[in-house]
PDB file of N, CA and C in Angstrom:
ATOM      1  N   MET A   1      86.354 128.475 105.404  1.00  0.00           N
ATOM      2  CA  MET A   1      86.844 127.244 104.819  1.00  0.00           C
ATOM      3  C   MET A   1      85.666 126.449 104.261  1.00  0.00           C
ATOM      4  N   SER A   2      85.941 125.789 103.154  1.00  0.00           N
ATOM      5  CA  SER A   2      84.875 125.019 102.511  1.00  0.00           C
ATOM      6  C   SER A   2      84.639 123.707 103.251  1.00  0.00           C
ATOM      7  N   ASP A   3      83.556 123.072 102.922  1.00  0.00           N
ATOM      8  CA  ASP A   3      83.258 121.776 103.528  1.00  0.00           C
ATOM      9  C   ASP A   3      84.267 120.742 103.070  1.00  0.00           C
ATOM     10  N   ILE A   4      84.606 119.840 103.967  1.00  0.00           N
ATOM     11  CA  ILE A   4      85.485 118.730 103.648  1.00  0.00           C
ATOM     12  C   ILE A   4      84.596 117.492 103.574  1.00  0.00           C
ATOM     13  N   PRO A   5      84.437 116.910 102.384  1.00  0.00           N
ATOM     14  CA  PRO A   5      83.542 115.747 102.272  1.00  0.00           C
ATOM     15  C   PRO A   5      83.936 114.637 103.244  1.00  0.00           C
ATOM     16  N   LYS A   6      82.932 114.151 103.982  1.00  0.00           N
ATOM     17  CA  LYS A   6      83.177 113.142 105.008  1.00  0.00           C
ATOM     18  C   LYS A   6      83.360 111.731 104.447  1.00  0.00           C
ATOM     19  N   ASP A   7      82.957 111.525 103.190  1.00  0.00           N
ATOM     20  CA  ASP A   7      83.051 110.179 102.604  1.00  0.00           C
ATOM     21  C   ASP A   7      84.408 109.903 101.966  1.00  0.00           C
ATOM     22  N   LEU A   8      85.324 110.862 102.033  1.00  0.00           N
ATOM     23  CA  LEU A   8      86.648 110.692 101.440  1.00  0.00           C
ATOM     24  C   LEU A   8      87.697 110.527 102.530  1.00  0.00           C
ATOM     25  N   LYS A   9      88.871 110.051 102.137  1.00  0.00           N
ATOM     26  CA  LYS A   9      90.043 110.017 103.007  1.00  0.00           C
ATOM     27  C   LYS A   9      91.020 111.047 102.464  1.00  0.00           C
ATOM     28  N   TYR A  10      91.996 111.448 103.302  1.00  0.00           N
ATOM     29  CA  TYR A  10      92.883 112.550 102.935  1.00  0.00           C
ATOM     30  C   TYR A  10      94.333 112.266 103.317  1.00  0.00           C
ATOM     31  N   THR A  11      95.232 113.039 102.687  1.00  0.00           N
ATOM     32  CA  THR A  11      96.647 112.970 103.057  1.00  0.00           C
ATOM     33  C   THR A  11      97.077 114.337 103.579  1.00  0.00           C
ATOM     34  N   GLU A  12      98.197 114.357 104.264  1.00  0.00           N
ATOM     35  CA  GLU A  12      98.749 115.628 104.738  1.00  0.00           C
ATOM     36  C   GLU A  12      99.251 116.478 103.571  1.00  0.00           C
ATOM     37  N   GLU A  13      99.437 115.861 102.406  1.00  0.00           N
ATOM     38  CA  GLU A  13      99.870 116.598 101.205  1.00  0.00           C
ATOM     39  C   GLU A  13      98.674 117.128 100.419  1.00  0.00           C
ATOM     40  N   HIS A  14      97.471 117.034 100.986  1.00  0.00           N
ATOM     41  CA  HIS A  14      96.253 117.625 100.424  1.00  0.00           C
ATOM     42  C   HIS A  14      95.717 116.900  99.194  1.00  0.00           C
ATOM     43  N   GLU A  15      95.837 115.566  99.213  1.00  0.00           N
ATOM     44  CA  GLU A  15      95.129 114.757  98.225  1.00  0.00           C
ATOM     45  C   GLU A  15      93.918 114.124  98.902  1.00  0.00           C
ATOM     46  N   TRP A  16      92.894 113.863  98.100  1.00  0.00           N
ATOM     47  CA  TRP A  16      91.747 113.097  98.615  1.00  0.00           C
ATOM     48  C   TRP A  16      91.730 111.734  97.921  1.00  0.00           C
ATOM     49  N   VAL A  17      91.120 110.761  98.621  1.00  0.00           N
ATOM     50  CA  VAL A  17      91.063 109.386  98.131  1.00  0.00           C
ATOM     51  C   VAL A  17      89.652 108.851  98.348  1.00  0.00           C
ATOM     52  N   ARG A  18      89.106 108.221  97.299  1.00  0.00           N
ATOM     53  CA  ARG A  18      87.773 107.620  97.398  1.00  0.00           C
ATOM     54  C   ARG A  18      87.862 106.167  96.954  1.00  0.00           C
ATOM     55  N   LYS A  19      87.345 105.254  97.776  1.00  0.00           N
ATOM     56  CA  LYS A  19      87.300 103.839  97.395  1.00  0.00           C
ATOM     57  C   LYS A  19      86.128 103.630  96.449  1.00  0.00           C
ATOM     58  N   GLU A  20      86.415 102.946  95.341  1.00  0.00           N
ATOM     59  CA  GLU A  20      85.383 102.683  94.340  1.00  0.00           C
ATOM     60  C   GLU A  20      84.805 101.285  94.528  1.00  0.00           C
ATOM     61  N   ALA A  21      83.656 101.048  93.919  1.00  0.00           N
ATOM     62  CA  ALA A  21      82.967  99.760  94.038  1.00  0.00           C
ATOM     63  C   ALA A  21      83.821  98.598  93.531  1.00  0.00           C
ATOM     64  N   ASP A  22      84.696  98.864  92.550  1.00  0.00           N
ATOM     65  CA  ASP A  22      85.525  97.788  91.994  1.00  0.00           C
ATOM     66  C   ASP A  22      86.792  97.532  92.818  1.00  0.00           C
ATOM     67  N   GLY A  23      86.938  98.242  93.949  1.00  0.00           N
ATOM     68  CA  GLY A  23      88.089  98.033  94.819  1.00  0.00           C
ATOM     69  C   GLY A  23      89.274  98.936  94.506  1.00  0.00           C
ATOM     70  N   THR A  24      89.199  99.720  93.430  1.00  0.00           N
ATOM     71  CA  THR A  24      90.273 100.671  93.140  1.00  0.00           C
ATOM     72  C   THR A  24      90.053 101.934  93.973  1.00  0.00           C
ATOM     73  N   PHE A  25      91.039 102.807  93.953  1.00  0.00           N
ATOM     74  CA  PHE A  25      90.963 104.058  94.703  1.00  0.00           C
ATOM     75  C   PHE A  25      91.199 105.224  93.759  1.00  0.00           C
ATOM     76  N   THR A  26      90.309 106.211  93.830  1.00  0.00           N
ATOM     77  CA  THR A  26      90.405 107.407  93.011  1.00  0.00           C
ATOM     78  C   THR A  26      91.077 108.496  93.828  1.00  0.00           C
ATOM     79  N   VAL A  27      91.985 109.252  93.181  1.00  0.00           N
ATOM     80  CA  VAL A  27      92.770 110.284  93.856  1.00  0.00           C
ATOM     81  C   VAL A  27      92.566 111.625  93.168  1.00  0.00           C
ATOM     82  N   GLY A  28      92.449 112.672  93.981  1.00  0.00           N
ATOM     83  CA  GLY A  28      92.383 114.038  93.463  1.00  0.00           C
ATOM     84  C   GLY A  28      93.047 114.972  94.460  1.00  0.00           C
ATOM     85  N   ILE A  29      92.996 116.272  94.184  1.00  0.00           N
ATOM     86  CA  ILE A  29      93.537 117.224  95.154  1.00  0.00           C
ATOM     87  C   ILE A  29      92.393 117.951  95.840  1.00  0.00           C
ATOM     88  N   THR A  30      92.638 118.365  97.069  1.00  0.00           N
ATOM     89  CA  THR A  30      91.582 118.974  97.879  1.00  0.00           C
ATOM     90  C   THR A  30      91.330 120.431  97.481  1.00  0.00           C
ATOM     91  N   ASP A  31      90.234 120.946  97.979  1.00  0.00           N
ATOM     92  CA  ASP A  31      89.878 122.342  97.775  1.00  0.00           C
ATOM     93  C   ASP A  31      90.984 123.236  98.338  1.00  0.00           C
ATOM     94  N   HIS A  32      91.507 122.880  99.511  1.00  0.00           N
ATOM     95  CA  HIS A  32      92.593 123.658 100.113  1.00  0.00           C
ATOM     96  C   HIS A  32      93.798 123.714  99.170  1.00  0.00           C
ATOM     97  N   ALA A  33      94.153 122.582  98.578  1.00  0.00           N
ATOM     98  CA  ALA A  33      95.300 122.527  97.667  1.00  0.00           C
ATOM     99  C   ALA A  33      95.096 123.437  96.463  1.00  0.00           C
ATOM    100  N   GLN A  34      93.919 123.358  95.846  1.00  0.00           N
ATOM    101  CA  GLN A  34      93.711 124.167  94.640  1.00  0.00           C
ATOM    102  C   GLN A  34      93.632 125.653  94.981  1.00  0.00           C
ATOM    103  N   LYS A  35      93.094 125.995  96.166  1.00  0.00           N
ATOM    104  CA  LYS A  35      93.048 127.409  96.557  1.00  0.00           C
ATOM    105  C   LYS A  35      94.453 127.940  96.837  1.00  0.00           C
ATOM    106  N   THR A  36      95.286 127.113  97.468  1.00  0.00           N
ATOM    107  CA  THR A  36      96.658 127.502  97.775  1.00  0.00           C
ATOM    108  C   THR A  36      97.464 127.690  96.499  1.00  0.00           C
ATOM    109  N   LEU A  37      97.270 126.782  95.545  1.00  0.00           N
ATOM    110  CA  LEU A  37      98.015 126.854  94.287  1.00  0.00           C
ATOM    111  C   LEU A  37      97.564 128.009  93.397  1.00  0.00           C
ATOM    112  N   GLY A  38      96.292 128.330  93.441  1.00  0.00           N
ATOM    113  CA  GLY A  38      95.753 129.329  92.516  1.00  0.00           C
ATOM    114  C   GLY A  38      95.288 128.639  91.241  1.00  0.00           C
ATOM    115  N   ASP A  39      95.116 129.408  90.188  1.00  0.00           N
ATOM    116  CA  ASP A  39      94.576 128.856  88.943  1.00  0.00           C
ATOM    117  C   ASP A  39      95.497 127.791  88.364  1.00  0.00           C
ATOM    118  N   ILE A  40      94.986 126.567  88.288  1.00  0.00           N
ATOM    119  CA  ILE A  40      95.761 125.447  87.760  1.00  0.00           C
ATOM    120  C   ILE A  40      95.749 125.515  86.238  1.00  0.00           C
ATOM    121  N   VAL A  41      96.960 125.457  85.652  1.00  0.00           N
ATOM    122  CA  VAL A  41      97.088 125.609  84.202  1.00  0.00           C
ATOM    123  C   VAL A  41      97.666 124.370  83.517  1.00  0.00           C
ATOM    124  N   PHE A  42      98.221 123.423  84.312  1.00  0.00           N
ATOM    125  CA  PHE A  42      98.846 122.248  83.710  1.00  0.00           C
ATOM    126  C   PHE A  42      98.859 121.099  84.713  1.00  0.00           C
ATOM    127  N   LEU A  43      98.548 119.898  84.220  1.00  0.00           N
ATOM    128  CA  LEU A  43      98.639 118.686  85.038  1.00  0.00           C
ATOM    129  C   LEU A  43      99.463 117.650  84.282  1.00  0.00           C
ATOM    130  N   GLU A  44     100.395 117.054  84.991  1.00  0.00           N
ATOM    131  CA  GLU A  44     101.104 115.890  84.456  1.00  0.00           C
ATOM    132  C   GLU A  44     100.761 114.742  85.388  1.00  0.00           C
ATOM    133  N   LEU A  45     100.010 113.776  84.876  1.00  0.00           N
ATOM    134  CA  LEU A  45      99.491 112.689  85.702  1.00  0.00           C
ATOM    135  C   LEU A  45     100.245 111.393  85.422  1.00  0.00           C
ATOM    136  N   PRO A  46     100.290 110.497  86.416  1.00  0.00           N
ATOM    137  CA  PRO A  46     100.988 109.220  86.192  1.00  0.00           C
ATOM    138  C   PRO A  46     100.253 108.376  85.162  1.00  0.00           C
ATOM    139  N   LYS A  47     101.012 107.627  84.394  1.00  0.00           N
ATOM    140  CA  LYS A  47     100.442 106.782  83.341  1.00  0.00           C
ATOM    141  C   LYS A  47      99.936 105.454  83.907  1.00  0.00           C
ATOM    142  N   ALA A  48      98.906 104.910  83.283  1.00  0.00           N
ATOM    143  CA  ALA A  48      98.387 103.594  83.658  1.00  0.00           C
ATOM    144  C   ALA A  48      99.508 102.566  83.551  1.00  0.00           C
ATOM    145  N   GLY A  49      99.552 101.670  84.533  1.00  0.00           N
ATOM    146  CA  GLY A  49     100.579 100.638  84.554  1.00  0.00           C
ATOM    147  C   GLY A  49     101.771 100.984  85.429  1.00  0.00           C
ATOM    148  N   LYS A  50     101.878 102.243  85.825  1.00  0.00           N
ATOM    149  CA  LYS A  50     103.006 102.667  86.671  1.00  0.00           C
ATOM    150  C   LYS A  50     102.837 102.124  88.086  1.00  0.00           C
ATOM    151  N   LYS A  51     103.877 101.468  88.592  1.00  0.00           N
ATOM    152  CA  LYS A  51     103.886 100.995  89.983  1.00  0.00           C
ATOM    153  C   LYS A  51     104.351 102.155  90.858  1.00  0.00           C
ATOM    154  N   VAL A  52     103.631 102.405  91.949  1.00  0.00           N
ATOM    155  CA  VAL A  52     103.924 103.565  92.794  1.00  0.00           C
ATOM    156  C   VAL A  52     103.986 103.171  94.274  1.00  0.00           C
ATOM    157  N   GLN A  53     104.780 103.931  95.020  1.00  0.00           N
ATOM    158  CA  GLN A  53     104.910 103.749  96.461  1.00  0.00           C
ATOM    159  C   GLN A  53     104.250 104.934  97.156  1.00  0.00           C
ATOM    160  N   ALA A  54     103.496 104.685  98.228  1.00  0.00           N
ATOM    161  CA  ALA A  54     102.855 105.764  98.986  1.00  0.00           C
ATOM    162  C   ALA A  54     103.877 106.845  99.311  1.00  0.00           C
ATOM    163  N   GLY A  55     103.499 108.097  99.073  1.00  0.00           N
ATOM    164  CA  GLY A  55     104.363 109.225  99.363  1.00  0.00           C
ATOM    165  C   GLY A  55     105.263 109.638  98.217  1.00  0.00           C
ATOM    166  N   GLU A  56     105.281 108.839  97.148  1.00  0.00           N
ATOM    167  CA  GLU A  56     106.142 109.112  95.995  1.00  0.00           C
ATOM    168  C   GLU A  56     105.523 110.203  95.119  1.00  0.00           C
ATOM    169  N   ALA A  57     106.369 111.096  94.599  1.00  0.00           N
ATOM    170  CA  ALA A  57     105.904 112.093  93.630  1.00  0.00           C
ATOM    171  C   ALA A  57     105.631 111.373  92.310  1.00  0.00           C
ATOM    172  N   VAL A  58     104.407 111.508  91.798  1.00  0.00           N
ATOM    173  CA  VAL A  58     104.019 110.783  90.576  1.00  0.00           C
ATOM    174  C   VAL A  58     103.561 111.700  89.451  1.00  0.00           C
ATOM    175  N   GLY A  59     103.523 112.990  89.716  1.00  0.00           N
ATOM    176  CA  GLY A  59     103.070 113.920  88.699  1.00  0.00           C
ATOM    177  C   GLY A  59     103.332 115.343  89.129  1.00  0.00           C
ATOM    178  N   ILE A  60     102.794 116.279  88.346  1.00  0.00           N
ATOM    179  CA  ILE A  60     102.999 117.700  88.615  1.00  0.00           C
ATOM    180  C   ILE A  60     101.664 118.426  88.474  1.00  0.00           C
ATOM    181  N   VAL A  61     101.422 119.354  89.400  1.00  0.00           N
ATOM    182  CA  VAL A  61     100.288 120.273  89.315  1.00  0.00           C
ATOM    183  C   VAL A  61     100.906 121.664  89.199  1.00  0.00           C
ATOM    184  N   GLU A  62     100.642 122.318  88.077  1.00  0.00           N
ATOM    185  CA  GLU A  62     101.236 123.631  87.851  1.00  0.00           C
ATOM    186  C   GLU A  62     100.132 124.675  87.837  1.00  0.00           C
ATOM    187  N   SER A  63     100.387 125.772  88.529  1.00  0.00           N
ATOM    188  CA  SER A  63      99.422 126.868  88.550  1.00  0.00           C
ATOM    189  C   SER A  63     100.112 128.133  88.060  1.00  0.00           C
ATOM    190  N   VAL A  64      99.367 129.225  88.025  1.00  0.00           N
ATOM    191  CA  VAL A  64      99.965 130.486  87.622  1.00  0.00           C
ATOM    192  C   VAL A  64     100.999 130.932  88.661  1.00  0.00           C
ATOM    193  N   LYS A  65     100.910 130.433  89.889  1.00  0.00           N
ATOM    194  CA  LYS A  65     101.829 130.821  90.965  1.00  0.00           C
ATOM    195  C   LYS A  65     103.037 129.905  91.106  1.00  0.00           C
ATOM    196  N   ALA A  66     102.830 128.591  90.961  1.00  0.00           N
ATOM    197  CA  ALA A  66     103.902 127.644  91.290  1.00  0.00           C
ATOM    198  C   ALA A  66     103.632 126.282  90.668  1.00  0.00           C
ATOM    199  N   ALA A  67     104.660 125.454  90.668  1.00  0.00           N
ATOM    200  CA  ALA A  67     104.506 124.050  90.287  1.00  0.00           C
ATOM    201  C   ALA A  67     104.697 123.223  91.544  1.00  0.00           C
ATOM    202  N   SER A  68     103.858 122.232  91.719  1.00  0.00           N
ATOM    203  CA  SER A  68     103.906 121.379  92.899  1.00  0.00           C
ATOM    204  C   SER A  68     103.927 119.927  92.474  1.00  0.00           C
ATOM    205  N   ASP A  69     104.610 119.109  93.248  1.00  0.00           N
ATOM    206  CA  ASP A  69     104.560 117.678  92.984  1.00  0.00           C
ATOM    207  C   ASP A  69     103.188 117.137  93.369  1.00  0.00           C
ATOM    208  N   LEU A  70     102.748 116.139  92.660  1.00  0.00           N
ATOM    209  CA  LEU A  70     101.539 115.386  92.984  1.00  0.00           C
ATOM    210  C   LEU A  70     102.021 114.055  93.546  1.00  0.00           C
ATOM    211  N   TYR A  71     101.588 113.742  94.759  1.00  0.00           N
ATOM    212  CA  TYR A  71     102.035 112.525  95.438  1.00  0.00           C
ATOM    213  C   TYR A  71     100.960 111.455  95.391  1.00  0.00           C
ATOM    214  N   THR A  72     101.396 110.208  95.405  1.00  0.00           N
ATOM    215  CA  THR A  72     100.429 109.125  95.514  1.00  0.00           C
ATOM    216  C   THR A  72     100.239 108.794  96.988  1.00  0.00           C
ATOM    217  N   PRO A  73      99.000 108.707  97.430  1.00  0.00           N
ATOM    218  CA  PRO A  73      98.743 108.400  98.830  1.00  0.00           C
ATOM    219  C   PRO A  73      98.841 106.909  99.146  1.00  0.00           C
ATOM    220  N   LEU A  74      98.903 106.067  98.107  1.00  0.00           N
ATOM    221  CA  LEU A  74      98.837 104.620  98.306  1.00  0.00           C
ATOM    222  C   LEU A  74      99.909 103.908  97.483  1.00  0.00           C
ATOM    223  N   THR A  75     100.245 102.711  97.920  1.00  0.00           N
ATOM    224  CA  THR A  75     101.181 101.864  97.183  1.00  0.00           C
ATOM    225  C   THR A  75     100.383 100.907  96.310  1.00  0.00           C
ATOM    226  N   GLY A  76     100.744 100.837  95.043  1.00  0.00           N
ATOM    227  CA  GLY A  76     100.035  99.951  94.131  1.00  0.00           C
ATOM    228  C   GLY A  76     100.372 100.272  92.696  1.00  0.00           C
ATOM    229  N   GLU A  77      99.379 100.090  91.838  1.00  0.00           N
ATOM    230  CA  GLU A  77      99.565 100.330  90.410  1.00  0.00           C
ATOM    231  C   GLU A  77      98.513 101.313  89.916  1.00  0.00           C
ATOM    232  N   VAL A  78      98.956 102.303  89.149  1.00  0.00           N
ATOM    233  CA  VAL A  78      98.026 103.243  88.530  1.00  0.00           C
ATOM    234  C   VAL A  78      97.258 102.472  87.456  1.00  0.00           C
ATOM    235  N   VAL A  79      95.939 102.495  87.541  1.00  0.00           N
ATOM    236  CA  VAL A  79      95.129 101.771  86.559  1.00  0.00           C
ATOM    237  C   VAL A  79      94.506 102.706  85.517  1.00  0.00           C
ATOM    238  N   GLU A  80      94.476 103.998  85.830  1.00  0.00           N
ATOM    239  CA  GLU A  80      93.871 104.954  84.895  1.00  0.00           C
ATOM    240  C   GLU A  80      94.261 106.355  85.322  1.00  0.00           C
ATOM    241  N   ASN A  81      94.424 107.255  84.335  1.00  0.00           N
ATOM    242  CA  ASN A  81      94.529 108.671  84.678  1.00  0.00           C
ATOM    243  C   ASN A  81      93.431 109.422  83.936  1.00  0.00           C
ATOM    244  N   ASN A  82      93.126 110.602  84.427  1.00  0.00           N
ATOM    245  CA  ASN A  82      92.016 111.371  83.883  1.00  0.00           C
ATOM    246  C   ASN A  82      92.519 112.279  82.756  1.00  0.00           C
ATOM    247  N   GLN A  83      92.429 111.756  81.524  1.00  0.00           N
ATOM    248  CA  GLN A  83      92.872 112.509  80.347  1.00  0.00           C
ATOM    249  C   GLN A  83      92.136 113.840  80.218  1.00  0.00           C
ATOM    250  N   GLU A  84      90.865 113.827  80.555  1.00  0.00           N
ATOM    251  CA  GLU A  84      90.071 115.051  80.452  1.00  0.00           C
ATOM    252  C   GLU A  84      90.617 116.136  81.380  1.00  0.00           C
ATOM    253  N   ALA A  85      91.046 115.735  82.592  1.00  0.00           N
ATOM    254  CA  ALA A  85      91.636 116.696  83.530  1.00  0.00           C
ATOM    255  C   ALA A  85      92.971 117.220  83.000  1.00  0.00           C
ATOM    256  N   GLU A  86      93.756 116.346  82.367  1.00  0.00           N
ATOM    257  CA  GLU A  86      95.031 116.800  81.781  1.00  0.00           C
ATOM    258  C   GLU A  86      94.779 117.819  80.676  1.00  0.00           C
ATOM    259  N   GLU A  87      93.731 117.602  79.895  1.00  0.00           N
ATOM    260  CA  GLU A  87      93.411 118.512  78.791  1.00  0.00           C
ATOM    261  C   GLU A  87      92.746 119.797  79.266  1.00  0.00           C
ATOM    262  N   ASN A  88      92.046 119.737  80.403  1.00  0.00           N
ATOM    263  CA  ASN A  88      91.337 120.904  80.947  1.00  0.00           C
ATOM    264  C   ASN A  88      91.660 121.070  82.434  1.00  0.00           C
ATOM    265  N   PRO A  89      92.930 121.374  82.760  1.00  0.00           N
ATOM    266  CA  PRO A  89      93.339 121.406  84.173  1.00  0.00           C
ATOM    267  C   PRO A  89      92.584 122.439  85.009  1.00  0.00           C
ATOM    268  N   GLU A  90      92.077 123.475  84.353  1.00  0.00           N
ATOM    269  CA  GLU A  90      91.342 124.507  85.083  1.00  0.00           C
ATOM    270  C   GLU A  90      90.057 123.962  85.717  1.00  0.00           C
ATOM    271  N   ASP A  91      89.565 122.824  85.224  1.00  0.00           N
ATOM    272  CA  ASP A  91      88.357 122.220  85.798  1.00  0.00           C
ATOM    273  C   ASP A  91      88.544 121.865  87.274  1.00  0.00           C
ATOM    274  N   VAL A  92      89.786 121.556  87.668  1.00  0.00           N
ATOM    275  CA  VAL A  92      90.067 121.209  89.059  1.00  0.00           C
ATOM    276  C   VAL A  92      89.732 122.382  89.977  1.00  0.00           C
ATOM    277  N   ASN A  93      89.990 123.605  89.518  1.00  0.00           N
ATOM    278  CA  ASN A  93      89.681 124.777  90.343  1.00  0.00           C
ATOM    279  C   ASN A  93      88.194 124.910  90.610  1.00  0.00           C
ATOM    280  N   GLY A  94      87.374 124.580  89.626  1.00  0.00           N
ATOM    281  CA  GLY A  94      85.936 124.727  89.780  1.00  0.00           C
ATOM    282  C   GLY A  94      85.296 123.620  90.598  1.00  0.00           C
ATOM    283  N   ASP A  95      85.905 122.438  90.614  1.00  0.00           N
ATOM    284  CA  ASP A  95      85.294 121.296  91.287  1.00  0.00           C
ATOM    285  C   ASP A  95      86.371 120.305  91.752  1.00  0.00           C
ATOM    286  N   PRO A  96      87.179 120.698  92.762  1.00  0.00           N
ATOM    287  CA  PRO A  96      88.302 119.842  93.160  1.00  0.00           C
ATOM    288  C   PRO A  96      87.895 118.462  93.663  1.00  0.00           C
ATOM    289  N   TYR A  97      86.697 118.344  94.234  1.00  0.00           N
ATOM    290  CA  TYR A  97      86.266 117.026  94.712  1.00  0.00           C
ATOM    291  C   TYR A  97      85.509 116.243  93.644  1.00  0.00           C
ATOM    292  N   GLY A  98      85.200 116.886  92.533  1.00  0.00           N
ATOM    293  CA  GLY A  98      84.506 116.216  91.446  1.00  0.00           C
ATOM    294  C   GLY A  98      85.441 115.786  90.325  1.00  0.00           C
ATOM    295  N   VAL A  99      86.572 116.480  90.194  1.00  0.00           N
ATOM    296  CA  VAL A  99      87.530 116.164  89.133  1.00  0.00           C
ATOM    297  C   VAL A  99      88.653 115.318  89.727  1.00  0.00           C
ATOM    298  N   TRP A 100      88.665 114.059  89.364  1.00  0.00           N
ATOM    299  CA  TRP A 100      89.695 113.139  89.864  1.00  0.00           C
ATOM    300  C   TRP A 100      90.909 113.195  88.951  1.00  0.00           C
ATOM    301  N   LEU A 101      92.052 112.730  89.474  1.00  0.00           N
ATOM    302  CA  LEU A 101      93.293 112.785  88.705  1.00  0.00           C
ATOM    303  C   LEU A 101      93.781 111.416  88.250  1.00  0.00           C
ATOM    304  N   PHE A 102      93.785 110.433  89.155  1.00  0.00           N
ATOM    305  CA  PHE A 102      94.180 109.086  88.756  1.00  0.00           C
ATOM    306  C   PHE A 102      93.562 108.058  89.690  1.00  0.00           C
ATOM    307  N   ARG A 103      93.589 106.793  89.215  1.00  0.00           N
ATOM    308  CA  ARG A 103      93.046 105.680  90.002  1.00  0.00           C
ATOM    309  C   ARG A 103      94.151 104.658  90.243  1.00  0.00           C
ATOM    310  N   ILE A 104      94.106 104.053  91.422  1.00  0.00           N
ATOM    311  CA  ILE A 104      95.138 103.096  91.845  1.00  0.00           C
ATOM    312  C   ILE A 104      94.489 101.799  92.297  1.00  0.00           C
ATOM    313  N   LYS A 105      95.152 100.707  91.974  1.00  0.00           N
ATOM    314  CA  LYS A 105      94.805  99.403  92.541  1.00  0.00           C
ATOM    315  C   LYS A 105      95.868  99.132  93.605  1.00  0.00           C
ATOM    316  N   LEU A 106      95.414  98.903  94.831  1.00  0.00           N
ATOM    317  CA  LEU A 106      96.349  98.672  95.936  1.00  0.00           C
ATOM    318  C   LEU A 106      97.203  97.444  95.692  1.00  0.00           C
ATOM    319  N   ALA A 107      98.466  97.533  96.101  1.00  0.00           N
ATOM    320  CA  ALA A 107      99.346  96.366  96.056  1.00  0.00           C
ATOM    321  C   ALA A 107      98.879  95.379  97.124  1.00  0.00           C
ATOM    322  N   LYS A 108      99.141  94.103  96.893  1.00  0.00           N
ATOM    323  CA  LYS A 108      98.747  93.052  97.838  1.00  0.00           C
ATOM    324  C   LYS A 108      99.306  93.358  99.228  1.00  0.00           C
ATOM    325  N   GLY A 109      98.438  93.262 100.227  1.00  0.00           N
ATOM    326  CA  GLY A 109      98.868  93.483 101.601  1.00  0.00           C
ATOM    327  C   GLY A 109      98.890  94.945 102.033  1.00  0.00           C
ATOM    328  N   GLU A 110      98.650  95.864 101.113  1.00  0.00           N
ATOM    329  CA  GLU A 110      98.656  97.287 101.461  1.00  0.00           C
ATOM    330  C   GLU A 110      97.279  97.695 101.993  1.00  0.00           C
ATOM    331  N   THR A 111      97.250  98.750 102.817  1.00  0.00           N
ATOM    332  CA  THR A 111      95.999  99.247 103.378  1.00  0.00           C
ATOM    333  C   THR A 111      95.913 100.761 103.184  1.00  0.00           C
ATOM    334  N   THR A 112      94.813 101.308 103.618  1.00  0.00           N
ATOM    335  CA  THR A 112      94.632 102.762 103.576  1.00  0.00           C
ATOM    336  C   THR A 112      94.751 103.347 104.985  1.00  0.00           C
ATOM    337  N   ASP A 113      95.365 102.609 105.887  1.00  0.00           N
ATOM    338  CA  ASP A 113      95.463 103.046 107.286  1.00  0.00           C
ATOM    339  C   ASP A 113      96.235 104.348 107.463  1.00  0.00           C
ATOM    340  N   ASN A 114      97.085 104.691 106.485  1.00  0.00           N
ATOM    341  CA  ASN A 114      97.880 105.912 106.581  1.00  0.00           C
ATOM    342  C   ASN A 114      97.071 107.171 106.261  1.00  0.00           C
ATOM    343  N   LEU A 115      95.843 107.004 105.792  1.00  0.00           N
ATOM    344  CA  LEU A 115      95.036 108.154 105.376  1.00  0.00           C
ATOM    345  C   LEU A 115      94.244 108.739 106.541  1.00  0.00           C
ATOM    346  N   LEU A 116      93.944 110.018 106.422  1.00  0.00           N
ATOM    347  CA  LEU A 116      93.181 110.739 107.438  1.00  0.00           C
ATOM    348  C   LEU A 116      91.696 110.733 107.083  1.00  0.00           C
ATOM    349  N   ASP A 117      90.846 110.752 108.102  1.00  0.00           N
ATOM    350  CA  ASP A 117      89.421 110.985 107.840  1.00  0.00           C
ATOM    351  C   ASP A 117      89.210 112.499 107.758  1.00  0.00           C
ATOM    352  N   ALA A 118      87.987 112.914 107.479  1.00  0.00           N
ATOM    353  CA  ALA A 118      87.703 114.345 107.294  1.00  0.00           C
ATOM    354  C   ALA A 118      88.067 115.153 108.537  1.00  0.00           C
ATOM    355  N   ALA A 119      87.761 114.637 109.726  1.00  0.00           N
ATOM    356  CA  ALA A 119      88.069 115.359 110.967  1.00  0.00           C
ATOM    357  C   ALA A 119      89.580 115.510 111.151  1.00  0.00           C
ATOM    358  N   GLY A 120      90.318 114.448 110.848  1.00  0.00           N
ATOM    359  CA  GLY A 120      91.777 114.498 110.961  1.00  0.00           C
ATOM    360  C   GLY A 120      92.379 115.484 109.977  1.00  0.00           C
ATOM    361  N   TYR A 121      91.830 115.516 108.773  1.00  0.00           N
ATOM    362  CA  TYR A 121      92.325 116.455 107.765  1.00  0.00           C
ATOM    363  C   TYR A 121      92.013 117.893 108.170  1.00  0.00           C
ATOM    364  N   LYS A 122      90.824 118.111 108.712  1.00  0.00           N
ATOM    365  CA  LYS A 122      90.432 119.461 109.144  1.00  0.00           C
ATOM    366  C   LYS A 122      91.403 119.972 110.205  1.00  0.00           C
ATOM    367  N   LYS A 123      91.843 119.084 111.111  1.00  0.00           N
ATOM    368  CA  LYS A 123      92.803 119.490 112.161  1.00  0.00           C
ATOM    369  C   LYS A 123      94.099 120.015 111.562  1.00  0.00           C
ATOM    370  N   ILE A 124      94.539 119.405 110.478  1.00  0.00           N
ATOM    371  CA  ILE A 124      95.768 119.857 109.805  1.00  0.00           C
ATOM    372  C   ILE A 124      95.586 121.267 109.263  1.00  0.00           C
ATOM    373  N   LEU A 125      94.390 121.547 108.761  1.00  0.00           N
ATOM    374  CA  LEU A 125      94.127 122.856 108.157  1.00  0.00           C
ATOM    375  C   LEU A 125      93.924 123.958 109.184  1.00  0.00           C
ATOM    376  N   ASP A 126      93.472 123.584 110.371  1.00  0.00           N
ATOM    377  CA  ASP A 126      93.182 124.604 111.401  1.00  0.00           C
ATOM    378  C   ASP A 126      94.436 125.192 112.010  1.00  0.00           C
TER     379      ASP A 126
END
């Protein structure tokens, strides 16, 4: 199994989350997710301005094997999606922790308490 970056948070649906300096949160899929899916050939990402609820399906990750829903780990508003990733979805396979999918601004009063740390995520995979 590959290393699980300790500076990120995770979901049981295999997304990673990174808090940015501006207070937004960047979301991507984990190495485990991309390995399970196989070669990713298509991404449909949520559009900026979309209000989302934690756990809601907000996009699609399609591989040569299957199509999977992409879930948002947080409640808030999508502030940006990664157009480059949509145009070159195969990049996620080469660098799942480097290629982000979308960014969220948390809704007022929301927290990231529902997310797992690296050790908690590793337990799910074991």
